[in-house]
Amino acid sequence: MIVTPPQPWWQAATIYQIYPRSFADSDGDGIGDLRGIADRLDHLVSLGVDALWISPIFPSPMADFGYDVADYTGIDPRFGTLVDFDALLAKAHGLGLRVLLDFVPNHSSDQHPWFAESRSSRDHPRRDWYIWHDPAPDGGPPNNWISDFGGPAWTFDAATGQYYSRAFLPEQPDLNWRNPDVRATMLDAMRFWFDRGVDGFRIDVLWHMVKHAGFPDNPPNPDYRDDMGEMHRVLQLNSTDQPEVHAIAADMRELADRYDAVLVGEIYLPVPRLMTYYGPADAPEVHLPFNFQLIEARWNAAELAERMTEYEAALPTGGWPNWVLGNHDRPRITTRVGAAQARVAAMLLLTLRGTPTLYQGDELGLPDAQVPADKLQDPRELREPGLGLGRDPVRTPLPWTGEGGFTTGEPWLPIDPAHLPLNVAAQVDDPESMLTLYRHLLALRRATPALATGTIGDVRAEGDVLTYLRSDGTDRYRIALNLGHRTAAIDLEPGAVILSTHDAATASSLRPDEGLILKVD
């Protein structure tokens, strides 16, 4: 008798990303916190998601708002305490919600005790915990690598006469993952959270974690334009995506599998390179290498069909797909495609094969916020202003009520007045709201095996219309999405309309900006 192994929980799950500074503030200091998240878990339950991923909550000087970690096994006092975290975790689990944390292994804060020791002397035992290099013959940086935030990816330390590598801010020195002590200590930090009951990690900039051992220059980018940001002057072939990173990812996977936990890897690479982070069958790596196809695609049926087909065809045997429309770093889907098409995008995301991830506020249809110049805080924007690279517009507090409802104090970033009419309270009982649409889509996905974990096929683009078929071998569902702003006639197999992005619908035509789910014969 052949026994089919149980399906991993994360394959049928929907993940919801929480940016903790901006989700809910319980103590009136203007910064969201763990108790605020715990108080608002009912929103996630009623929305219908299965897991929450919380952006970094570890102790940090906040040079990059938590992505500069000063202690990998603590909680920053701005967010609460370990007791608060344990209470949140217990409450979430009691409600049937899994909890993922954001692990930041490429770099620490320059205020981490490890780095203080590393920079104290060339002879210190922790010197090699970070990446140090002698200056170039002219005294400048060792090579031409460029920080993702602009400028050289090296900072000179006058006291010891060497440069340290930092892919982001000077306050974020890169850890040396070639050092076995670093590797063991960081895996211990992951184990600390697994032992507390955490259900997985999103791994920040996984593909950055190892640099070429010889530190050669990166080649120039022949397609560079000034509006792209300085980091794109070169192709990051030697400063990222090195072969040695895969053994590290495999070690992380081996640890996570002991806890039935999931690893989601942040990896911005072309599809063929992205697929290598699933790992071979005998040394699997992250369960879900983040697939950013929907964030990067031009919004038309032909390109989406091509990307969907290419991605599915590239998946290795046993590789499970995943999809995402936005996150804390990239413009919101409503801003990218407009409010009407954001409803179509929601249907696309939640009917594709694979694990979807939602970013907080997308379920409300929030556009990018307008942040006054004197309120900007993102170092990405402050270092390269005016290029539209800043992340503050997608990080402003979530509007819970028409008055804001996020805090009783002054929020750390202002709430855009344009967001207030889109607040949770206003949408929760509105049958036509974006929030209601997301709830319907998530409820249907959860109740329908063909949509949750079934196959996908017959992907077609005809004019502005994108269609595809989902099936579990018994039930079949046709998804038809009008990515245009005009009525489109459609010729589909007979079926009953299960859900529309609009009100009552027919299966003979798609209204402007309409998506349909049909159960077909």
Protein backbone atom coordinates (compact mmCIF):
# COMPACT_ATOMS: atom_id res chain seq x y z
CA MET A 1 0.00 0.00 0.00
CA ILE A 2 1.35 3.42 -0.98
CA VAL A 3 0.89 6.03 1.71
CA THR A 4 0.71 9.63 0.48
CA PRO A 5 2.62 11.93 2.84
CA PRO A 6 0.57 14.72 4.39
CA GLN A 7 0.59 18.02 2.55
CA PRO A 8 2.77 20.66 4.25
CA TRP A 9 0.61 23.27 5.98
CA TRP A 10 2.17 26.16 4.10
CA GLN A 11 1.14 24.92 0.66
CA ALA A 12 -2.54 25.67 1.23
CA ALA A 13 -1.86 28.72 3.41
CA THR A 14 -2.12 32.43 2.68
CA ILE A 15 0.51 34.59 4.40
CA TYR A 16 -0.14 38.17 5.54
CA GLN A 17 2.83 40.49 6.00
CA ILE A 18 2.73 42.84 8.98
CA TYR A 19 5.01 45.88 9.10
CA PRO A 20 4.93 46.15 12.91
CA ARG A 21 5.73 49.86 13.23
CA SER A 22 2.57 50.62 11.29
CA PHE A 23 0.03 47.92 12.11
CA ALA A 24 -1.41 48.88 15.53
CA ASP A 25 -0.05 50.87 18.50
CA SER A 26 -1.23 49.79 21.95
CA ASP A 27 0.59 52.31 24.16
CA GLY A 28 0.20 55.66 22.36
CA ASP A 29 3.86 56.25 21.51
CA GLY A 30 3.06 56.39 17.79
CA ILE A 31 4.90 53.16 16.94
CA GLY A 32 3.07 49.88 16.37
CA ASP A 33 3.90 47.06 18.75
CA LEU A 34 3.33 43.42 19.62
CA ARG A 35 0.36 44.08 21.88
CA GLY A 36 -1.19 46.10 19.09
CA ILE A 37 -0.82 43.15 16.73
CA ALA A 38 -2.33 40.81 19.33
CA ASP A 39 -5.28 43.17 19.78
CA ARG A 40 -6.01 43.14 16.05
CA LEU A 41 -5.65 39.44 15.24
CA ASP A 42 -9.41 39.27 14.77
CA HIS A 43 -8.90 41.27 11.55
CA LEU A 44 -6.65 38.53 10.17
CA VAL A 45 -9.04 35.78 11.25
CA SER A 46 -12.04 37.46 9.63
CA LEU A 47 -9.96 38.25 6.54
CA GLY A 48 -9.25 34.55 6.17
CA VAL A 49 -5.47 34.32 6.10
CA ASP A 50 -3.55 31.46 7.69
CA ALA A 51 -0.23 32.94 8.78
CA LEU A 52 1.32 36.29 9.63
CA TRP A 53 4.87 37.30 8.78
CA ILE A 54 6.14 40.07 11.05
CA SER A 55 8.92 42.32 9.73
CA PRO A 56 11.91 42.62 12.13
CA ILE A 57 11.13 43.15 15.82
CA PHE A 58 14.63 42.51 17.20
CA PRO A 59 16.60 45.14 19.18
CA SER A 60 17.88 47.72 16.72
CA PRO A 61 19.13 51.33 16.53
CA MET A 62 16.62 51.60 13.64
CA ALA A 63 19.04 53.05 11.09
CA ASP A 64 17.07 50.93 8.61
CA PHE A 65 13.99 50.44 10.80
CA GLY A 66 14.82 47.01 12.19
CA TYR A 67 16.86 45.63 9.32
CA ASP A 68 19.95 46.55 11.36
CA VAL A 69 19.83 43.96 14.14
CA ALA A 70 21.72 44.46 17.41
CA ASP A 71 20.52 41.24 19.09
CA TYR A 72 19.12 38.26 17.20
CA THR A 73 17.41 36.71 20.23
CA GLY A 74 15.65 39.69 21.79
CA ILE A 75 12.74 42.05 21.23
CA ASP A 76 13.21 45.77 20.72
CA PRO A 77 11.58 47.71 23.61
CA ARG A 78 9.69 49.82 21.07
CA PHE A 79 7.73 46.67 20.19
CA GLY A 80 7.51 45.14 23.65
CA THR A 81 9.18 42.24 25.44
CA LEU A 82 9.71 38.52 25.02
CA VAL A 83 6.71 38.06 27.31
CA ASP A 84 4.63 40.13 24.88
CA PHE A 85 5.91 38.07 21.98
CA ASP A 86 5.10 34.78 23.69
CA ALA A 87 1.60 36.08 24.45
CA LEU A 88 1.10 37.11 20.82
CA LEU A 89 2.36 33.75 19.61
CA ALA A 90 0.05 31.85 21.97
CA LYS A 91 -2.97 33.95 20.99
CA ALA A 92 -2.24 33.55 17.28
CA HIS A 93 -1.85 29.80 17.61
CA GLY A 94 -5.08 29.65 19.61
CA LEU A 95 -6.84 31.34 16.69
CA GLY A 96 -5.34 28.94 14.17
CA LEU A 97 -2.78 31.43 12.83
CA ARG A 98 0.87 30.54 12.20
CA VAL A 99 3.59 33.12 12.90
CA LEU A 100 6.69 33.81 10.80
CA LEU A 101 9.50 36.17 11.77
CA ASP A 102 11.83 38.15 9.53
CA PHE A 103 15.41 36.88 9.84
CA VAL A 104 18.19 39.27 8.72
CA PRO A 105 21.33 37.15 8.24
CA ASN A 106 23.33 39.12 5.67
CA HIS A 107 24.28 41.92 8.03
CA SER A 108 23.93 43.08 11.62
CA SER A 109 23.82 46.54 13.13
CA ASP A 110 27.13 48.28 13.67
CA GLN A 111 25.94 48.53 17.28
CA HIS A 112 25.87 44.74 17.67
CA PRO A 113 28.46 43.63 20.28
CA TRP A 114 29.94 41.31 17.68
CA PHE A 115 30.84 44.21 15.41
CA ALA A 116 32.18 46.32 18.29
CA GLU A 117 34.57 43.46 19.02
CA SER A 118 35.36 42.87 15.35
CA ARG A 119 36.38 46.46 14.70
CA SER A 120 38.30 46.80 17.99
CA SER A 121 41.42 45.12 16.63
CA ARG A 122 42.67 43.19 13.63
CA ASP A 123 43.67 40.47 16.08
CA HIS A 124 40.35 40.10 17.87
CA PRO A 125 38.85 36.58 17.58
CA ARG A 126 35.70 38.11 16.09
CA ARG A 127 37.55 40.13 13.44
CA ASP A 128 36.68 37.49 10.87
CA TRP A 129 32.99 37.53 11.80
CA TYR A 130 32.66 40.43 9.36
CA ILE A 131 34.16 41.08 5.92
CA TRP A 132 37.28 43.23 6.13
CA HIS A 133 39.63 44.15 3.29
CA ASP A 134 42.69 46.33 2.76
CA PRO A 135 42.24 49.52 0.75
CA ALA A 136 42.95 49.61 -2.97
CA PRO A 137 46.43 50.86 -3.95
CA ASP A 138 45.05 54.40 -4.19
CA GLY A 139 43.65 54.14 -0.65
CA GLY A 140 40.06 53.89 -1.84
CA PRO A 141 37.55 51.04 -1.53
CA PRO A 142 38.81 47.55 -2.42
CA ASN A 143 36.62 47.30 -5.53
CA ASN A 144 33.74 48.95 -7.40
CA TRP A 145 30.86 47.30 -5.56
CA ILE A 146 27.97 49.68 -4.96
CA SER A 147 25.64 49.69 -1.96
CA ASP A 148 21.97 49.04 -2.65
CA PHE A 149 21.40 52.45 -1.04
CA GLY A 150 23.97 54.18 -3.28
CA GLY A 151 27.66 54.91 -2.84
CA PRO A 152 30.47 52.39 -2.30
CA ALA A 153 29.59 49.10 -0.62
CA TRP A 154 32.57 49.64 1.69
CA THR A 155 33.21 51.84 4.74
CA PHE A 156 36.71 52.74 5.93
CA ASP A 157 37.57 52.13 9.57
CA ALA A 158 40.43 54.50 10.42
CA ALA A 159 41.29 52.78 13.70
CA THR A 160 42.27 49.50 12.02
CA GLY A 161 43.08 50.78 8.53
CA GLN A 162 40.73 48.50 6.64
CA TYR A 163 37.36 48.70 4.91
CA TYR A 164 34.35 46.62 5.92
CA SER A 165 31.78 45.38 3.45
CA ARG A 166 28.21 46.61 3.77
CA ALA A 167 25.67 45.98 1.05
CA PHE A 168 23.32 48.59 2.49
CA LEU A 169 24.00 51.37 5.03
CA PRO A 170 27.34 51.97 6.79
CA GLU A 171 25.41 51.02 9.95
CA GLN A 172 24.78 47.54 8.48
CA PRO A 173 28.11 45.69 8.24
CA ASP A 174 27.99 42.39 6.34
CA LEU A 175 28.50 39.22 8.33
CA ASN A 176 31.08 36.75 7.06
CA TRP A 177 29.16 33.54 6.43
CA ARG A 178 32.36 31.79 5.38
CA ASN A 179 33.25 31.77 9.09
CA PRO A 180 31.89 28.54 10.67
CA ASP A 181 31.37 30.27 14.03
CA VAL A 182 29.09 32.85 12.39
CA ARG A 183 27.19 30.09 10.68
CA ALA A 184 26.71 28.06 13.87
CA THR A 185 25.74 31.09 15.95
CA MET A 186 23.15 32.32 13.47
CA LEU A 187 21.61 28.87 13.19
CA ASP A 188 21.42 28.85 16.99
CA ALA A 189 19.50 32.13 16.81
CA MET A 190 17.00 30.55 14.43
CA ARG A 191 16.71 27.57 16.77
CA PHE A 192 15.99 29.94 19.68
CA TRP A 193 12.85 31.18 17.93
CA PHE A 194 11.81 27.75 16.67
CA ASP A 195 12.01 26.48 20.24
CA ARG A 196 9.62 29.28 21.29
CA GLY A 197 7.12 28.06 18.73
CA VAL A 198 7.74 30.24 15.67
CA ASP A 199 6.42 28.59 12.51
CA GLY A 200 9.00 29.87 10.05
CA PHE A 201 11.11 32.72 8.76
CA ARG A 202 11.20 35.06 5.84
CA ILE A 203 14.95 35.33 5.17
CA ASP A 204 16.04 38.84 4.21
CA VAL A 205 18.23 39.25 1.07
CA LEU A 206 19.20 35.59 1.05
CA TRP A 207 21.03 35.91 -2.26
CA HIS A 208 23.32 38.60 -0.82
CA MET A 209 24.72 36.46 2.01
CA VAL A 210 28.00 35.33 0.41
CA LYS A 211 30.43 37.46 -1.61
CA HIS A 212 33.02 36.29 -4.13
CA ALA A 213 36.11 35.24 -2.16
CA GLY A 214 38.45 37.14 -4.50
CA PHE A 215 36.45 40.41 -4.35
CA PRO A 216 36.70 41.18 -8.11
CA ASP A 217 34.97 44.23 -9.56
CA ASN A 218 31.40 43.90 -10.73
CA PRO A 219 30.94 44.43 -14.48
CA PRO A 220 29.28 47.66 -15.61
CA ASN A 221 25.59 47.53 -16.47
CA PRO A 222 25.19 48.42 -20.16
CA ASP A 223 21.51 49.23 -19.61
CA TYR A 224 21.99 51.66 -16.71
CA ARG A 225 19.92 54.83 -16.57
CA ASP A 226 20.25 57.56 -13.94
CA ASP A 227 16.66 57.08 -12.77
CA MET A 228 17.34 53.45 -11.76
CA GLY A 229 19.36 54.21 -8.64
CA GLU A 230 23.14 54.10 -8.33
CA MET A 231 23.25 50.42 -7.32
CA HIS A 232 22.33 49.52 -10.90
CA ARG A 233 25.50 51.08 -12.37
CA VAL A 234 27.03 47.62 -12.05
CA LEU A 235 25.73 44.06 -12.35
CA GLN A 236 25.99 42.44 -8.93
CA LEU A 237 27.55 39.24 -10.24
CA ASN A 238 30.38 39.05 -7.68
CA SER A 239 28.74 40.66 -4.65
CA THR A 240 25.63 38.43 -4.65
CA ASP A 241 24.33 34.95 -5.63
CA GLN A 242 27.53 33.02 -4.97
CA PRO A 243 27.56 29.19 -5.13
CA GLU A 244 28.44 28.85 -1.43
CA VAL A 245 25.13 30.37 -0.32
CA HIS A 246 23.27 27.20 -1.26
CA ALA A 247 24.93 25.07 1.42
CA ILE A 248 23.91 27.69 4.00
CA ALA A 249 20.32 27.65 2.78
CA ALA A 250 20.37 23.84 2.98
CA ASP A 251 21.54 24.01 6.60
CA MET A 252 18.69 26.41 7.39
CA ARG A 253 16.21 24.08 5.67
CA GLU A 254 17.43 21.05 7.58
CA LEU A 255 16.85 22.93 10.83
CA ALA A 256 13.43 24.26 9.81
CA ASP A 257 12.20 20.83 8.74
CA ARG A 258 12.82 19.49 12.22
CA TYR A 259 10.17 21.94 13.44
CA ASP A 260 7.69 21.58 10.55
CA ALA A 261 8.49 25.23 9.82
CA VAL A 262 8.65 27.09 6.52
CA LEU A 263 11.44 29.22 5.06
CA VAL A 264 10.63 31.99 2.58
CA GLY A 265 13.70 33.45 0.88
CA GLU A 266 13.86 37.02 -0.40
CA ILE A 267 15.62 36.63 -3.74
CA TYR A 268 15.44 39.18 -6.55
CA LEU A 269 16.91 37.17 -9.43
CA PRO A 270 15.80 36.05 -12.89
CA VAL A 271 13.63 32.93 -12.85
CA PRO A 272 16.38 30.43 -13.80
CA ARG A 273 18.60 31.62 -10.94
CA LEU A 274 15.66 31.88 -8.55
CA MET A 275 14.88 28.19 -9.08
CA THR A 276 18.30 27.12 -7.81
CA TYR A 277 17.25 28.21 -4.30
CA TYR A 278 14.80 25.32 -4.08
CA GLY A 279 17.92 23.17 -3.98
CA PRO A 280 18.43 19.61 -5.22
CA ALA A 281 16.34 16.73 -3.91
CA ASP A 282 19.14 15.50 -1.64
CA ALA A 283 19.88 18.95 -0.19
CA PRO A 284 16.69 21.04 -0.34
CA GLU A 285 16.94 24.74 0.42
CA VAL A 286 14.17 27.25 1.13
CA HIS A 287 10.62 26.02 0.74
CA LEU A 288 9.49 29.22 -1.01
CA PRO A 289 12.02 31.35 -2.92
CA PHE A 290 9.97 34.54 -3.18
CA ASN A 291 8.51 34.94 -6.66
CA PHE A 292 8.26 38.64 -7.52
CA GLN A 293 6.90 38.17 -11.06
CA LEU A 294 3.67 40.07 -10.35
CA ILE A 295 5.57 42.99 -8.82
CA GLU A 296 7.90 43.33 -11.78
CA ALA A 297 5.55 42.60 -14.71
CA ARG A 298 3.95 45.11 -17.00
CA TRP A 299 0.21 44.87 -16.41
CA ASN A 300 -1.14 43.29 -19.57
CA ALA A 301 -2.56 39.87 -20.34
CA ALA A 302 0.18 38.76 -22.72
CA GLU A 303 3.04 39.48 -20.34
CA LEU A 304 1.30 37.99 -17.32
CA ALA A 305 0.49 34.81 -19.27
CA GLU A 306 4.09 34.56 -20.43
CA ARG A 307 5.47 35.03 -16.92
CA MET A 308 3.01 32.55 -15.40
CA THR A 309 3.90 29.94 -18.00
CA GLU A 310 7.65 30.51 -17.73
CA TYR A 311 7.58 30.31 -13.94
CA GLU A 312 5.49 27.13 -13.79
CA ALA A 313 7.67 25.44 -16.43
CA ALA A 314 10.85 26.34 -14.55
CA LEU A 315 9.80 24.87 -11.20
CA PRO A 316 11.91 21.88 -10.19
CA THR A 317 10.27 18.56 -9.34
CA GLY A 318 8.53 19.03 -6.00
CA GLY A 319 9.03 22.80 -6.02
CA TRP A 320 5.96 24.63 -4.72
CA PRO A 321 5.10 28.00 -6.33
CA ASN A 322 4.34 31.26 -4.56
CA TRP A 323 3.10 34.70 -5.61
CA VAL A 324 3.05 38.20 -4.16
CA LEU A 325 1.71 41.58 -5.34
CA GLY A 326 3.63 43.89 -3.00
CA ASN A 327 5.63 44.32 0.17
CA HIS A 328 7.21 46.92 2.45
CA ASP A 329 9.82 47.83 -0.19
CA ARG A 330 7.84 48.21 -3.40
CA PRO A 331 4.99 50.46 -4.64
CA ARG A 332 1.48 49.25 -3.81
CA ILE A 333 -0.56 47.41 -6.40
CA THR A 334 -3.30 50.08 -6.35
CA THR A 335 -0.76 52.74 -7.31
CA ARG A 336 0.78 50.57 -10.00
CA VAL A 337 -2.39 49.48 -11.78
CA GLY A 338 -5.19 51.69 -10.43
CA ALA A 339 -8.02 51.03 -8.01
CA ALA A 340 -10.21 49.15 -10.49
CA GLN A 341 -7.45 46.82 -11.66
CA ALA A 342 -6.33 46.25 -8.05
CA ARG A 343 -9.53 44.22 -7.64
CA VAL A 344 -8.58 42.13 -10.68
CA ALA A 345 -5.08 41.74 -9.23
CA ALA A 346 -6.54 40.43 -5.97
CA MET A 347 -8.43 37.74 -7.88
CA LEU A 348 -5.30 36.87 -9.83
CA LEU A 349 -3.15 36.53 -6.72
CA LEU A 350 -5.65 34.36 -4.86
CA THR A 351 -6.46 32.02 -7.74
CA LEU A 352 -2.94 31.25 -8.98
CA ARG A 353 -1.34 27.94 -8.02
CA GLY A 354 0.91 28.34 -5.02
CA THR A 355 1.19 30.12 -1.70
CA PRO A 356 0.14 33.80 -1.87
CA THR A 357 1.44 36.56 0.39
CA LEU A 358 -0.56 39.75 1.08
CA TYR A 359 0.96 43.00 2.31
CA GLN A 360 -0.95 44.85 5.02
CA GLY A 361 -3.25 47.49 3.57
CA ASP A 362 -3.58 45.89 0.14
CA GLU A 363 -6.80 44.27 1.38
CA LEU A 364 -8.11 47.82 1.83
CA GLY A 365 -7.01 48.98 -1.61
CA LEU A 366 -4.59 51.54 -0.17
CA PRO A 367 -2.52 53.46 -2.71
CA ASP A 368 0.98 54.71 -1.94
CA ALA A 369 0.73 57.41 0.70
CA GLN A 370 1.74 60.99 0.07
CA VAL A 371 4.35 61.76 2.75
CA PRO A 372 5.35 65.42 3.29
CA ALA A 373 9.01 66.10 2.57
CA ASP A 374 9.70 67.14 6.16
CA LYS A 375 8.28 63.82 7.43
CA LEU A 376 10.32 61.47 5.24
CA GLN A 377 12.36 58.94 7.21
CA ASP A 378 13.45 56.19 4.83
CA PRO A 379 17.24 56.19 4.34
CA ARG A 380 16.73 54.89 0.82
CA GLU A 381 14.90 58.10 -0.10
CA LEU A 382 17.15 60.40 1.92
CA ARG A 383 20.33 59.06 0.26
CA GLU A 384 19.00 59.20 -3.32
CA PRO A 385 16.15 61.69 -3.24
CA GLY A 386 13.73 62.35 -6.06
CA LEU A 387 14.05 59.02 -7.87
CA GLY A 388 10.89 57.50 -6.43
CA LEU A 389 12.86 54.78 -4.64
CA GLY A 390 11.71 55.68 -1.14
CA ARG A 391 9.69 53.17 0.88
CA ASP A 392 7.85 55.49 3.27
CA PRO A 393 4.77 55.65 0.98
CA VAL A 394 4.05 51.93 1.58
CA ARG A 395 4.93 51.97 5.29
CA THR A 396 2.50 54.50 6.73
CA PRO A 397 0.14 53.34 9.52
CA LEU A 398 -2.90 51.22 8.73
CA PRO A 399 -6.18 53.20 9.02
CA TRP A 400 -8.51 51.29 11.32
CA THR A 401 -11.18 54.00 11.58
CA GLY A 402 -12.11 57.24 9.87
CA GLU A 403 -10.03 59.08 12.48
CA GLY A 404 -7.07 56.75 11.95
CA GLY A 405 -7.43 54.43 14.92
CA PHE A 406 -3.76 53.40 14.76
CA THR A 407 -2.56 55.29 17.85
CA THR A 408 -3.69 57.75 20.49
CA GLY A 409 -0.43 59.66 19.98
CA GLU A 410 1.36 61.09 16.96
CA PRO A 411 2.13 58.33 14.44
CA TRP A 412 5.78 57.82 13.49
CA LEU A 413 4.78 58.45 9.87
CA PRO A 414 1.67 60.48 9.10
CA ILE A 415 -1.47 58.75 7.85
CA ASP A 416 -2.35 60.06 4.39
CA PRO A 417 -5.78 61.75 4.56
CA ALA A 418 -6.62 59.91 1.33
CA HIS A 419 -6.32 56.63 3.27
CA LEU A 420 -8.89 57.52 5.91
CA PRO A 421 -12.02 56.81 3.81
CA LEU A 422 -10.55 53.37 3.07
CA ASN A 423 -10.35 52.43 6.75
CA VAL A 424 -11.16 48.96 8.04
CA ALA A 425 -14.32 49.98 9.93
CA ALA A 426 -15.80 51.63 6.84
CA GLN A 427 -15.16 48.59 4.64
CA VAL A 428 -15.99 45.71 6.94
CA ASP A 429 -19.76 45.74 6.30
CA ASP A 430 -19.68 47.21 2.80
CA PRO A 431 -20.57 44.44 0.32
CA GLU A 432 -18.77 46.26 -2.50
CA SER A 433 -15.55 47.09 -0.65
CA MET A 434 -12.09 45.80 -1.43
CA LEU A 435 -11.95 44.21 2.02
CA THR A 436 -15.14 42.27 1.31
CA LEU A 437 -13.74 41.10 -2.03
CA TYR A 438 -10.58 39.81 -0.32
CA ARG A 439 -12.69 38.02 2.28
CA HIS A 440 -14.80 36.35 -0.39
CA LEU A 441 -11.72 35.31 -2.37
CA LEU A 442 -9.95 33.90 0.68
CA ALA A 443 -13.04 32.05 1.87
CA LEU A 444 -13.51 30.53 -1.57
CA ARG A 445 -9.85 29.56 -1.79
CA ARG A 446 -9.95 27.91 1.63
CA ALA A 447 -13.14 25.96 0.80
CA THR A 448 -12.07 24.88 -2.70
CA PRO A 449 -9.21 22.37 -3.05
CA ALA A 450 -8.90 23.08 -6.77
CA LEU A 451 -8.09 26.74 -6.02
CA ALA A 452 -5.96 26.08 -2.95
CA THR A 453 -3.67 23.31 -4.16
CA GLY A 454 -4.96 22.11 -7.54
CA THR A 455 -3.23 22.20 -10.89
CA ILE A 456 -3.09 25.14 -13.27
CA GLY A 457 -3.28 24.95 -17.03
CA ASP A 458 -4.66 26.29 -20.30
CA VAL A 459 -3.19 29.74 -19.66
CA ARG A 460 -4.35 32.07 -22.43
CA ALA A 461 -4.07 35.75 -23.30
CA GLU A 462 -6.56 37.08 -25.84
CA GLY A 463 -6.45 40.84 -26.17
CA ASP A 464 -6.91 42.27 -22.68
CA VAL A 465 -8.29 39.01 -21.27
CA LEU A 466 -6.20 36.54 -19.28
CA THR A 467 -7.73 33.13 -18.59
CA TYR A 468 -6.54 29.91 -16.95
CA LEU A 469 -7.96 26.71 -15.51
CA ARG A 470 -7.62 25.37 -11.97
CA SER A 471 -8.52 21.76 -11.20
CA ASP A 472 -8.14 19.10 -8.54
CA GLY A 473 -9.09 16.28 -10.89
CA THR A 474 -12.75 16.45 -9.91
CA ASP A 475 -13.77 20.11 -9.94
CA ARG A 476 -12.65 22.62 -12.57
CA TYR A 477 -12.64 26.41 -12.33
CA ARG A 478 -12.02 28.88 -15.11
CA ILE A 479 -10.53 32.23 -14.10
CA ALA A 480 -11.17 35.06 -16.58
CA LEU A 481 -9.61 38.46 -15.95
CA ASN A 482 -10.17 41.60 -18.00
CA LEU A 483 -7.01 43.66 -17.69
CA GLY A 484 -8.49 46.35 -19.90
CA HIS A 485 -10.93 49.18 -19.37
CA ARG A 486 -13.45 48.16 -22.05
CA THR A 487 -16.04 45.38 -22.19
CA ALA A 488 -14.56 42.19 -23.61
CA ALA A 489 -16.55 39.35 -25.15
CA ILE A 490 -15.44 35.94 -23.97
CA ASP A 491 -16.08 32.47 -25.31
CA LEU A 492 -15.65 30.03 -22.45
CA GLU A 493 -16.88 26.53 -21.70
CA PRO A 494 -20.29 26.43 -19.97
CA GLY A 495 -20.18 27.16 -16.30
CA ALA A 496 -21.68 28.93 -13.33
CA VAL A 497 -20.27 32.23 -12.09
CA ILE A 498 -18.98 31.63 -8.56
CA LEU A 499 -17.49 35.07 -7.90
CA SER A 500 -17.00 38.37 -9.71
CA THR A 501 -14.95 41.40 -8.80
CA HIS A 502 -18.16 43.34 -9.61
CA ASP A 503 -21.75 42.58 -8.69
CA ALA A 504 -23.92 39.97 -10.49
CA ALA A 505 -22.14 38.79 -13.62
CA THR A 506 -22.62 36.68 -16.75
CA ALA A 507 -20.23 34.28 -18.43
CA SER A 508 -20.64 35.77 -21.91
CA SER A 509 -18.68 38.98 -21.45
CA LEU A 510 -16.36 40.73 -19.05
CA ARG A 511 -17.12 44.27 -18.06
CA PRO A 512 -14.26 46.77 -17.85
CA ASP A 513 -11.81 45.82 -15.10
CA GLU A 514 -13.76 42.67 -14.20
CA GLY A 515 -12.57 39.27 -13.06
CA LEU A 516 -14.69 36.13 -12.90
CA ILE A 517 -14.36 32.70 -11.34
CA LEU A 518 -16.54 30.12 -13.06
CA LYS A 519 -17.13 26.50 -12.09
CA VAL A 520 -17.07 24.75 -15.45
CA ASP A 521 -18.54 21.45 -16.59
